[in-house]
Amino acid sequence: MPKLAAMSSTFDENRSAWWAAAGARGEYVPAPALSKDLDCDLAIVGGGFTGTSTAYHLARRFPEKRIVLCEARLLANGASGRNAGLVLNWVNGVETTDLELARRIYDVTRAGIDALATRIREQSMEVPFRRDGCIEIVTDPARAEAAARDAERLSSAGIPVRFVTGKGLAELGRFEGALGATFDPTAGQIDGVCLVRAMRPVLERLGVHVHERTPVIGIEEGETITLTTPSARVRAKAIVLATNAYTPRLGYFRSGVVPLHSHLLATEPLAPEAWEEIGWGRGLAGFSDDFDRIAYGSMTARGELVFGGGSNAAYGYGFGNGTAYRGDPTRAIAAMEKTLHRYLPKTAKVRIAHRWTGPVALTLSRVCTMGVQGKNRNVYFALGYCGHGITLANLAGEVLTDIYSGDDARWRDLPFFQQRLLYVPPEPFRWVGYHAYTALTGRSPRRSL
């Protein structure tokens, strides 16, 4: 086993492992900012998973239409570039004993991951993407029995998950305290910054006009919608809100979405044999645990362990739906390190190379929503993914394209289709309620079936 460096908790900046890797690949030259007024058929606000996926599907379906994408900063600036990289099945927040619905949801999300893999392959995008499976470990005997029954029930419906214990679990990972785990072989892990940045030339070849460093600072609805940016205006027949946690800042979903600050860290890169010695199996893309204060992690193609969650300290809410984190992450990082070391004690000697904070869009039900609204039915949206954004945001591009085309029947039975978000009270009740609720329940975004 290679010699492990001493742990360090000193960081120069709030930059994700994905952004650091992008910088190592060379200087990124952003698309030009919008500098003159223009007219278009569709304007997409936001350059992350949702925005680039929607632009891709719309441009392929409607090559004759003029599509414009405006990103406030750089592509993948938001959650798309600040996540844990987990590519997961299921829709977070859906609880059901209906096997038909469970199979339907799994099939849809699995197909979404399949489509993402196909897109990467067909467009010859060099994106680190592994799909060798993820586990959800259980640490309590009663929960282990329940998880085993659930896995058997889901397997009987044709869903390829299985419960593993003993040697089978040890081959995937030796997590201290784990009594078993539910293994999903079709889940995986991806570099979100690399994916979104690789999408830009694809979109440009399809005729999409991409503008970075172009924040939308005003939206005026009508038969033609006017988007105001610092230097120009965009007049569009329809728009797509692809801004997730930032959407309330545009005046939409202020009572339905709570932007949370989610803290993460990443270790230095180690060789696969070193991670096997530490306890992380070579054939494992990611894991989560069975606590309400969910802990989760993934292994990058470069050999970095990305980790987050594990306590209330790992999340924060800024008064007034603030999306810019201005606090001190020291307590959050220390809490996450403690949880990581509990599951994989030998990681205590592995250097922490990155720490960062990213915005998560939380809904009260934990269920996301995708649809269209407005007096003229020309404001399309998808947001509130609650931790499953890589799969669902990329799937959203296909869903919104079908809704736009009027051919959306295949999505109407799914829980996210035109999902009405539960009401979240305004400030100061929102801030007080969030902190009281998390203190009492310890709940954080997760999927439950």
Protein backbone atom coordinates (compact mmCIF):
# COMPACT_ATOMS: atom_id res chain seq x y z
CA MET A 1 0.00 0.00 0.00
CA PRO A 2 1.41 3.45 -0.90
CA LYS A 3 2.44 5.66 1.96
CA LEU A 4 -0.40 7.95 2.98
CA ALA A 5 0.12 11.66 3.57
CA ALA A 6 -0.96 13.31 6.80
CA MET A 7 -4.45 14.76 6.92
CA SER A 8 -4.74 18.44 6.06
CA SER A 9 -7.78 20.65 6.46
CA THR A 10 -6.29 23.79 4.93
CA PHE A 11 -7.88 24.99 1.70
CA ASP A 12 -7.10 27.90 -0.57
CA GLU A 13 -10.51 28.24 -2.15
CA ASN A 14 -14.01 26.81 -2.41
CA ARG A 15 -13.49 24.73 -5.55
CA SER A 16 -14.89 21.29 -6.26
CA ALA A 17 -12.74 18.36 -7.33
CA TRP A 18 -14.49 18.53 -10.72
CA TRP A 19 -13.54 22.17 -11.22
CA ALA A 20 -9.97 21.43 -10.16
CA ALA A 21 -9.79 18.59 -12.69
CA ALA A 22 -11.15 20.87 -15.40
CA GLY A 23 -8.42 23.38 -14.63
CA ALA A 24 -5.79 20.67 -14.88
CA ARG A 25 -7.01 19.83 -18.39
CA GLY A 26 -6.19 23.34 -19.57
CA GLU A 27 -7.60 26.84 -19.60
CA TYR A 28 -11.30 27.00 -20.40
CA VAL A 29 -12.34 29.69 -22.86
CA PRO A 30 -15.97 30.58 -22.15
CA ALA A 31 -18.53 31.31 -24.83
CA PRO A 32 -18.95 35.04 -25.48
CA ALA A 33 -21.39 36.99 -23.34
CA LEU A 34 -24.52 38.25 -25.03
CA SER A 35 -23.78 41.74 -26.34
CA LYS A 36 -26.74 42.60 -28.59
CA ASP A 37 -30.50 42.09 -28.63
CA LEU A 38 -31.81 39.03 -30.39
CA ASP A 39 -35.02 37.14 -31.13
CA CYS A 40 -35.40 33.38 -30.81
CA ASP A 41 -37.90 30.58 -30.56
CA LEU A 42 -36.62 29.22 -27.24
CA ALA A 43 -34.41 30.74 -24.58
CA ILE A 44 -32.90 28.51 -21.90
CA VAL A 45 -31.82 30.12 -18.64
CA GLY A 46 -29.08 28.10 -16.96
CA GLY A 47 -26.07 26.18 -18.22
CA GLY A 48 -26.01 23.03 -16.10
CA PHE A 49 -27.39 19.53 -16.58
CA THR A 50 -30.97 20.69 -17.11
CA GLY A 51 -30.10 23.51 -19.49
CA THR A 52 -27.65 21.65 -21.70
CA SER A 53 -29.77 18.49 -21.82
CA THR A 54 -32.89 20.46 -22.76
CA ALA A 55 -31.01 22.41 -25.42
CA TYR A 56 -29.67 19.14 -26.84
CA HIS A 57 -33.03 17.42 -27.11
CA LEU A 58 -34.84 20.52 -28.40
CA ALA A 59 -32.21 21.19 -31.06
CA ARG A 60 -32.31 17.59 -32.28
CA ARG A 61 -36.11 17.50 -32.36
CA PHE A 62 -36.54 21.00 -33.85
CA PRO A 63 -33.44 21.85 -35.92
CA GLU A 64 -35.30 24.69 -37.62
CA LYS A 65 -35.83 26.64 -34.37
CA ARG A 66 -33.44 29.22 -32.99
CA ILE A 67 -32.39 28.25 -29.48
CA VAL A 68 -30.38 30.44 -27.12
CA LEU A 69 -28.80 29.34 -23.82
CA CYS A 70 -27.74 31.96 -21.27
CA GLU A 71 -25.54 31.01 -18.32
CA ALA A 72 -24.96 33.61 -15.60
CA ARG A 73 -21.35 32.58 -14.98
CA LEU A 74 -19.63 29.57 -16.54
CA LEU A 75 -21.17 26.31 -17.65
CA ALA A 76 -21.59 23.90 -14.71
CA ASN A 77 -21.20 26.71 -12.19
CA GLY A 78 -24.08 25.52 -9.98
CA ALA A 79 -24.94 22.10 -8.60
CA SER A 80 -23.92 20.44 -11.88
CA GLY A 81 -20.31 21.21 -11.02
CA ARG A 82 -20.50 20.90 -7.24
CA ASN A 83 -22.13 17.53 -6.59
CA ALA A 84 -20.84 14.14 -5.47
CA GLY A 85 -21.00 12.67 -8.96
CA LEU A 86 -23.54 9.97 -8.09
CA VAL A 87 -25.71 8.85 -11.01
CA LEU A 88 -28.66 7.24 -9.25
CA ASN A 89 -31.96 5.60 -10.06
CA TRP A 90 -35.32 6.42 -8.45
CA VAL A 91 -37.12 9.70 -7.79
CA ASN A 92 -36.31 11.11 -4.39
CA GLY A 93 -39.28 11.52 -2.08
CA VAL A 94 -41.50 8.86 -3.63
CA GLU A 95 -42.71 6.30 -1.11
CA THR A 96 -44.79 3.43 -2.49
CA THR A 97 -45.63 -0.23 -1.99
CA ASP A 98 -46.99 -0.37 -5.53
CA LEU A 99 -44.57 -2.62 -7.42
CA GLU A 100 -45.86 -1.46 -10.78
CA LEU A 101 -45.11 2.16 -9.91
CA ALA A 102 -41.73 1.18 -8.47
CA ARG A 103 -40.80 -0.67 -11.64
CA ARG A 104 -42.06 2.21 -13.77
CA ILE A 105 -39.92 4.74 -11.90
CA TYR A 106 -36.85 2.52 -11.97
CA ASP A 107 -37.27 1.80 -15.69
CA VAL A 108 -37.60 5.50 -16.49
CA THR A 109 -34.54 6.57 -14.49
CA ARG A 110 -32.50 3.64 -15.74
CA ALA A 111 -33.45 4.57 -19.31
CA GLY A 112 -32.37 8.12 -18.53
CA ILE A 113 -28.93 6.88 -17.47
CA ASP A 114 -28.79 4.67 -20.58
CA ALA A 115 -29.61 7.70 -22.73
CA LEU A 116 -26.86 9.72 -21.06
CA ALA A 117 -24.35 6.95 -21.73
CA THR A 118 -25.51 6.76 -25.36
CA ARG A 119 -25.19 10.52 -25.78
CA ILE A 120 -21.62 10.47 -24.47
CA ARG A 121 -20.72 7.61 -26.80
CA GLU A 122 -22.46 8.88 -29.93
CA GLN A 123 -21.13 12.41 -29.54
CA SER A 124 -17.59 11.13 -28.83
CA MET A 125 -17.39 13.10 -25.60
CA GLU A 126 -14.42 12.27 -23.39
CA VAL A 127 -16.22 12.26 -20.04
CA PRO A 128 -15.12 10.17 -17.02
CA PHE A 129 -18.21 8.01 -16.44
CA ARG A 130 -18.30 4.71 -14.59
CA ARG A 131 -21.37 2.56 -14.17
CA ASP A 132 -20.39 -0.41 -12.06
CA GLY A 133 -22.99 0.13 -9.36
CA CYS A 134 -23.70 1.82 -6.03
CA ILE A 135 -24.72 0.48 -2.63
CA GLU A 136 -26.85 1.68 0.24
CA ILE A 137 -25.41 0.20 3.40
CA VAL A 138 -27.51 -0.67 6.47
CA THR A 139 -26.16 -0.47 10.00
CA ASP A 140 -29.08 -1.72 12.09
CA PRO A 141 -30.37 -5.34 12.32
CA ALA A 142 -34.02 -4.37 11.89
CA ARG A 143 -33.24 -2.11 8.95
CA ALA A 144 -31.08 -4.84 7.42
CA GLU A 145 -33.98 -7.30 7.55
CA ALA A 146 -36.29 -4.71 6.02
CA ALA A 147 -33.77 -3.86 3.28
CA ALA A 148 -33.35 -7.55 2.42
CA ARG A 149 -37.13 -7.94 2.11
CA ASP A 150 -37.41 -4.79 0.00
CA ALA A 151 -34.64 -5.94 -2.34
CA GLU A 152 -36.35 -9.30 -2.78
CA ARG A 153 -39.67 -7.58 -3.41
CA LEU A 154 -38.17 -5.23 -5.99
CA SER A 155 -36.26 -8.06 -7.63
CA SER A 156 -39.51 -10.01 -8.01
CA ALA A 157 -40.80 -7.07 -10.07
CA GLY A 158 -37.84 -7.28 -12.44
CA ILE A 159 -35.79 -4.52 -10.81
CA PRO A 160 -32.14 -5.68 -10.79
CA VAL A 161 -31.22 -4.82 -7.20
CA ARG A 162 -29.98 -7.31 -4.63
CA PHE A 163 -29.12 -7.37 -0.96
CA VAL A 164 -25.53 -8.37 -0.20
CA THR A 165 -23.87 -9.43 3.03
CA GLY A 166 -20.68 -11.13 4.14
CA LYS A 167 -18.18 -11.85 1.36
CA GLY A 168 -20.41 -10.26 -1.27
CA LEU A 169 -20.46 -6.98 0.65
CA ALA A 170 -16.74 -7.15 1.47
CA GLU A 171 -15.92 -7.33 -2.24
CA LEU A 172 -17.72 -4.04 -2.74
CA GLY A 173 -16.46 -2.29 0.37
CA ARG A 174 -15.48 -2.93 3.97
CA PHE A 175 -17.49 -0.25 5.71
CA GLU A 176 -17.27 -0.41 9.50
CA GLY A 177 -20.65 -1.15 11.05
CA ALA A 178 -22.30 -2.23 7.79
CA LEU A 179 -24.48 -5.33 8.26
CA GLY A 180 -25.43 -5.49 4.61
CA ALA A 181 -26.20 -3.34 1.60
CA THR A 182 -28.62 -2.98 -1.27
CA PHE A 183 -26.64 -3.06 -4.51
CA ASP A 184 -27.88 -1.34 -7.67
CA PRO A 185 -25.67 -2.47 -10.57
CA THR A 186 -26.98 0.13 -13.01
CA ALA A 187 -26.06 3.24 -10.97
CA GLY A 188 -22.74 5.00 -11.37
CA GLN A 189 -20.60 8.12 -11.11
CA ILE A 190 -19.67 10.95 -13.49
CA ASP A 191 -17.65 14.15 -13.70
CA GLY A 192 -20.36 16.78 -14.10
CA VAL A 193 -18.12 19.68 -15.11
CA CYS A 194 -16.53 17.58 -17.82
CA LEU A 195 -19.95 16.45 -19.08
CA VAL A 196 -21.49 19.93 -19.25
CA ARG A 197 -18.38 21.49 -20.81
CA ALA A 198 -18.23 18.67 -23.38
CA MET A 199 -21.84 19.43 -24.29
CA ARG A 200 -21.02 22.96 -25.45
CA PRO A 201 -19.41 22.06 -28.82
CA VAL A 202 -22.17 19.49 -29.37
CA LEU A 203 -24.82 22.17 -28.84
CA GLU A 204 -23.00 24.64 -31.06
CA ARG A 205 -22.82 22.08 -33.87
CA LEU A 206 -26.59 21.68 -33.49
CA GLY A 207 -27.02 25.43 -33.91
CA VAL A 208 -27.63 26.42 -30.28
CA HIS A 209 -26.34 29.89 -29.39
CA VAL A 210 -24.49 29.56 -26.06
CA HIS A 211 -23.66 32.66 -24.03
CA GLU A 212 -21.74 32.45 -20.76
CA ARG A 213 -21.29 35.29 -18.26
CA THR A 214 -24.80 36.38 -19.24
CA PRO A 215 -27.01 36.57 -16.15
CA VAL A 216 -30.73 37.01 -16.67
CA ILE A 217 -31.75 39.84 -14.35
CA GLY A 218 -35.36 40.24 -15.42
CA ILE A 219 -38.16 38.27 -17.08
CA GLU A 220 -41.25 39.87 -18.60
CA GLU A 221 -43.86 37.31 -19.59
CA GLY A 222 -46.25 37.54 -22.54
CA GLU A 223 -46.87 35.85 -25.86
CA THR A 224 -43.28 36.85 -26.44
CA ILE A 225 -41.13 36.70 -23.30
CA THR A 226 -38.41 39.29 -22.78
CA LEU A 227 -35.27 38.35 -20.88
CA THR A 228 -33.13 41.22 -19.69
CA THR A 229 -29.38 40.72 -19.30
CA PRO A 230 -26.75 43.34 -18.39
CA SER A 231 -25.92 44.19 -22.01
CA ALA A 232 -28.84 43.04 -24.15
CA ARG A 233 -32.32 41.59 -24.28
CA VAL A 234 -33.60 38.27 -25.59
CA ARG A 235 -37.10 38.04 -26.99
CA ALA A 236 -38.31 34.44 -27.01
CA LYS A 237 -41.53 32.67 -27.85
CA ALA A 238 -40.87 30.32 -24.92
CA ILE A 239 -38.31 29.98 -22.14
CA VAL A 240 -36.93 27.15 -20.03
CA LEU A 241 -36.08 27.76 -16.38
CA ALA A 242 -33.05 25.50 -15.91
CA THR A 243 -31.78 27.22 -12.80
CA ASN A 244 -32.74 24.76 -10.01
CA ALA A 245 -31.76 26.32 -6.65
CA TYR A 246 -31.36 29.75 -8.27
CA THR A 247 -34.93 29.77 -9.66
CA PRO A 248 -36.49 31.76 -6.77
CA ARG A 249 -34.07 34.60 -7.56
CA LEU A 250 -35.85 34.95 -10.91
CA GLY A 251 -39.22 35.26 -9.15
CA TYR A 252 -40.41 31.69 -9.67
CA PHE A 253 -41.16 28.92 -7.13
CA ARG A 254 -40.33 31.15 -4.18
CA SER A 255 -42.83 29.27 -2.01
CA GLY A 256 -41.96 25.82 -3.33
CA VAL A 257 -38.18 25.50 -3.30
CA VAL A 258 -35.67 25.92 -0.47
CA PRO A 259 -32.07 26.42 -1.66
CA LEU A 260 -29.69 24.55 0.64
CA HIS A 261 -25.92 24.79 0.90
CA SER A 262 -24.49 21.28 0.69
CA HIS A 263 -20.90 20.80 1.84
CA LEU A 264 -18.59 18.19 0.29
CA LEU A 265 -14.96 17.19 0.39
CA ALA A 266 -12.62 15.11 -1.75
CA THR A 267 -9.43 13.29 -0.88
CA GLU A 268 -6.19 13.30 -2.77
CA PRO A 269 -6.09 10.69 -5.58
CA LEU A 270 -4.87 7.21 -4.69
CA ALA A 271 -4.30 4.11 -6.81
CA PRO A 272 -7.05 1.43 -6.88
CA GLU A 273 -4.93 -0.98 -4.83
CA ALA A 274 -4.52 1.66 -2.12
CA TRP A 275 -8.29 2.16 -1.89
CA GLU A 276 -8.82 -1.59 -1.72
CA GLU A 277 -6.48 -1.70 1.25
CA ILE A 278 -8.40 1.13 2.88
CA GLY A 279 -11.69 -0.68 2.32
CA TRP A 280 -13.24 0.74 -0.87
CA GLY A 281 -13.82 -2.01 -3.42
CA ARG A 282 -12.40 -1.60 -6.91
CA GLY A 283 -15.79 -2.31 -8.50
CA LEU A 284 -17.82 0.25 -6.52
CA ALA A 285 -18.84 3.63 -7.93
CA GLY A 286 -20.56 5.02 -4.85
CA PHE A 287 -22.36 4.44 -1.56
CA SER A 288 -24.85 5.93 0.86
CA ASP A 289 -26.01 4.87 4.31
CA ASP A 290 -29.34 4.23 6.03
CA PHE A 291 -29.51 7.22 8.37
CA ASP A 292 -31.82 10.20 7.98
CA ARG A 293 -28.68 12.32 8.11
CA ILE A 294 -27.55 10.49 4.99
CA ALA A 295 -23.83 10.10 4.30
CA TYR A 296 -22.70 9.39 0.74
CA GLY A 297 -19.56 9.11 -1.34
CA SER A 298 -18.25 8.27 -4.78
CA MET A 299 -14.96 7.28 -6.37
CA THR A 300 -13.68 9.39 -9.26
CA ALA A 301 -11.79 8.09 -12.27
CA ARG A 302 -8.72 9.84 -10.86
CA GLY A 303 -8.92 7.92 -7.59
CA GLU A 304 -10.36 10.67 -5.36
CA LEU A 305 -13.02 9.80 -2.81
CA VAL A 306 -15.76 12.44 -2.82
CA PHE A 307 -17.78 12.51 0.40
CA GLY A 308 -20.64 14.47 1.91
CA GLY A 309 -23.51 14.40 4.38
CA GLY A 310 -23.58 12.46 7.62
CA SER A 311 -24.92 15.22 9.87
CA ASN A 312 -26.98 18.41 9.94
CA ALA A 313 -23.68 20.29 9.86
CA ALA A 314 -23.18 19.18 6.26
CA TYR A 315 -26.09 21.36 5.12
CA GLY A 316 -27.05 24.97 5.67
CA TYR A 317 -29.83 27.36 4.78
CA GLY A 318 -29.20 31.01 4.07
CA PHE A 319 -31.85 33.44 5.25
CA GLY A 320 -33.96 34.73 2.36
CA ASN A 321 -33.18 31.86 -0.04
CA GLY A 322 -29.53 32.90 -0.27
CA THR A 323 -27.59 30.86 -2.85
CA ALA A 324 -24.11 32.25 -2.14
CA TYR A 325 -22.47 30.56 0.84
CA ARG A 326 -20.83 33.11 3.11
CA GLY A 327 -20.25 31.08 6.25
CA ASP A 328 -17.34 29.17 7.75
CA PRO A 329 -17.27 25.53 6.55
CA THR A 330 -14.87 24.36 9.28
CA ARG A 331 -17.55 22.67 11.40
CA ALA A 332 -19.12 20.98 8.37
CA ILE A 333 -15.80 19.61 7.09
CA ALA A 334 -14.84 18.33 10.56
CA ALA A 335 -18.20 16.57 10.92
CA MET A 336 -17.91 14.94 7.49
CA GLU A 337 -14.36 13.80 8.17
CA LYS A 338 -15.55 12.20 11.40
CA THR A 339 -18.27 10.26 9.60
CA LEU A 340 -15.92 9.21 6.80
CA HIS A 341 -13.34 7.96 9.29
CA ARG A 342 -16.02 6.00 11.13
CA TYR A 343 -16.92 4.04 8.02
CA LEU A 344 -13.39 3.80 6.59
CA PRO A 345 -10.95 4.32 9.51
CA LYS A 346 -7.83 4.22 7.34
CA THR A 347 -8.95 7.34 5.49
CA ALA A 348 -7.80 9.28 8.57
CA LYS A 349 -4.34 9.20 6.97
CA VAL A 350 -5.49 10.32 3.54
CA ARG A 351 -5.10 14.02 2.74
CA ILE A 352 -8.24 16.04 2.05
CA ALA A 353 -7.45 17.92 -1.16
CA HIS A 354 -10.68 19.79 -1.85
CA ARG A 355 -13.69 21.13 -0.03
CA TRP A 356 -16.60 23.01 -1.50
CA THR A 357 -20.20 24.03 -1.08
CA GLY A 358 -22.91 23.65 -3.71
CA PRO A 359 -26.56 24.74 -3.96
CA VAL A 360 -29.26 22.05 -3.66
CA ALA A 361 -32.91 22.77 -4.48
CA LEU A 362 -35.01 21.13 -1.77
CA THR A 363 -38.78 20.66 -2.02
CA LEU A 364 -40.89 19.94 1.02
CA SER A 365 -42.07 16.59 -0.41
CA ARG A 366 -38.55 15.80 -1.73
CA VAL A 367 -40.18 15.20 -5.15
CA CYS A 368 -38.98 17.26 -8.11
CA THR A 369 -41.24 18.88 -10.68
CA MET A 370 -41.10 19.21 -14.48
CA GLY A 371 -43.68 20.99 -16.57
CA VAL A 372 -44.97 24.20 -18.12
CA GLN A 373 -46.81 27.20 -16.66
CA GLY A 374 -47.75 30.79 -17.33
CA LYS A 375 -50.75 32.54 -18.87
CA ASN A 376 -49.43 31.71 -22.33
CA ARG A 377 -48.14 28.25 -21.39
CA ASN A 378 -44.66 29.14 -22.55
CA VAL A 379 -42.59 28.99 -19.34
CA TYR A 380 -41.07 25.51 -19.03
CA PHE A 381 -39.31 24.33 -15.88
CA ALA A 382 -37.59 21.43 -14.14
CA LEU A 383 -36.17 21.72 -10.62
CA GLY A 384 -36.08 20.39 -7.05
CA TYR A 385 -34.13 17.19 -7.67
CA CYS A 386 -33.22 16.76 -3.98
CA GLY A 387 -29.99 14.85 -4.48
CA HIS A 388 -30.81 12.88 -7.64
CA GLY A 389 -30.08 15.72 -10.02
CA ILE A 390 -27.55 14.09 -12.32
CA THR A 391 -30.03 11.52 -13.55
CA LEU A 392 -33.22 13.57 -13.28
CA ALA A 393 -31.84 16.83 -14.66
CA ASN A 394 -30.48 15.06 -17.72
CA LEU A 395 -33.78 13.22 -18.08
CA ALA A 396 -35.58 16.57 -17.79
CA GLY A 397 -34.29 17.60 -21.21
CA GLU A 398 -36.24 14.79 -22.81
CA VAL A 399 -39.34 15.40 -20.68
CA LEU A 400 -39.47 19.14 -21.41
CA THR A 401 -38.92 18.57 -25.11
CA ASP A 402 -41.89 16.20 -25.17
CA ILE A 403 -44.05 18.69 -23.25
CA TYR A 404 -43.02 21.44 -25.68
CA SER A 405 -43.90 19.26 -28.67
CA GLY A 406 -47.29 18.31 -27.17
CA ASP A 407 -46.35 14.63 -27.10
CA ASP A 408 -45.92 14.07 -23.36
CA ALA A 409 -48.32 11.16 -22.69
CA ARG A 410 -45.53 8.78 -21.65
CA TRP A 411 -44.59 10.98 -18.68
CA ARG A 412 -48.00 11.83 -17.27
CA ASP A 413 -48.20 8.90 -14.85
CA LEU A 414 -44.88 9.79 -13.19
CA PRO A 415 -44.75 11.65 -9.86
CA PHE A 416 -42.61 14.51 -11.14
CA PHE A 417 -44.86 15.43 -14.08
CA GLN A 418 -46.44 18.84 -13.33
CA GLN A 419 -45.91 18.06 -9.64
CA ARG A 420 -47.47 20.79 -7.50
CA LEU A 421 -44.91 21.72 -4.89
CA LEU A 422 -45.96 21.94 -1.27
CA TYR A 423 -46.07 25.41 0.23
CA VAL A 424 -43.08 26.63 2.21
CA PRO A 425 -43.83 29.73 4.36
CA PRO A 426 -41.95 33.00 3.85
CA GLU A 427 -39.25 34.42 6.08
CA PRO A 428 -38.69 34.48 8.99
CA PHE A 429 -40.89 31.37 9.41
CA ARG A 430 -38.94 29.53 6.70
CA TRP A 431 -35.59 30.01 8.40
CA VAL A 432 -36.95 29.12 11.85
CA GLY A 433 -38.90 26.16 10.45
CA TYR A 434 -35.95 24.71 8.58
CA HIS A 435 -33.63 24.80 11.59
CA ALA A 436 -36.30 23.47 13.96
CA TYR A 437 -37.27 20.67 11.58
CA THR A 438 -33.74 19.49 10.89
CA ALA A 439 -32.81 19.67 14.57
CA LEU A 440 -35.81 17.55 15.53
CA THR A 441 -35.78 15.05 12.66
CA GLY A 442 -32.29 15.18 11.20
CA ARG A 443 -33.79 14.58 7.80
CA SER A 444 -31.89 15.41 4.63
CA PRO A 445 -32.69 14.80 0.95
CA ARG A 446 -33.02 11.11 0.11
CA ARG A 447 -35.10 8.59 -1.80
CA SER A 448 -37.39 6.12 -0.10
CA LEU A 449 -39.32 3.22 -1.60
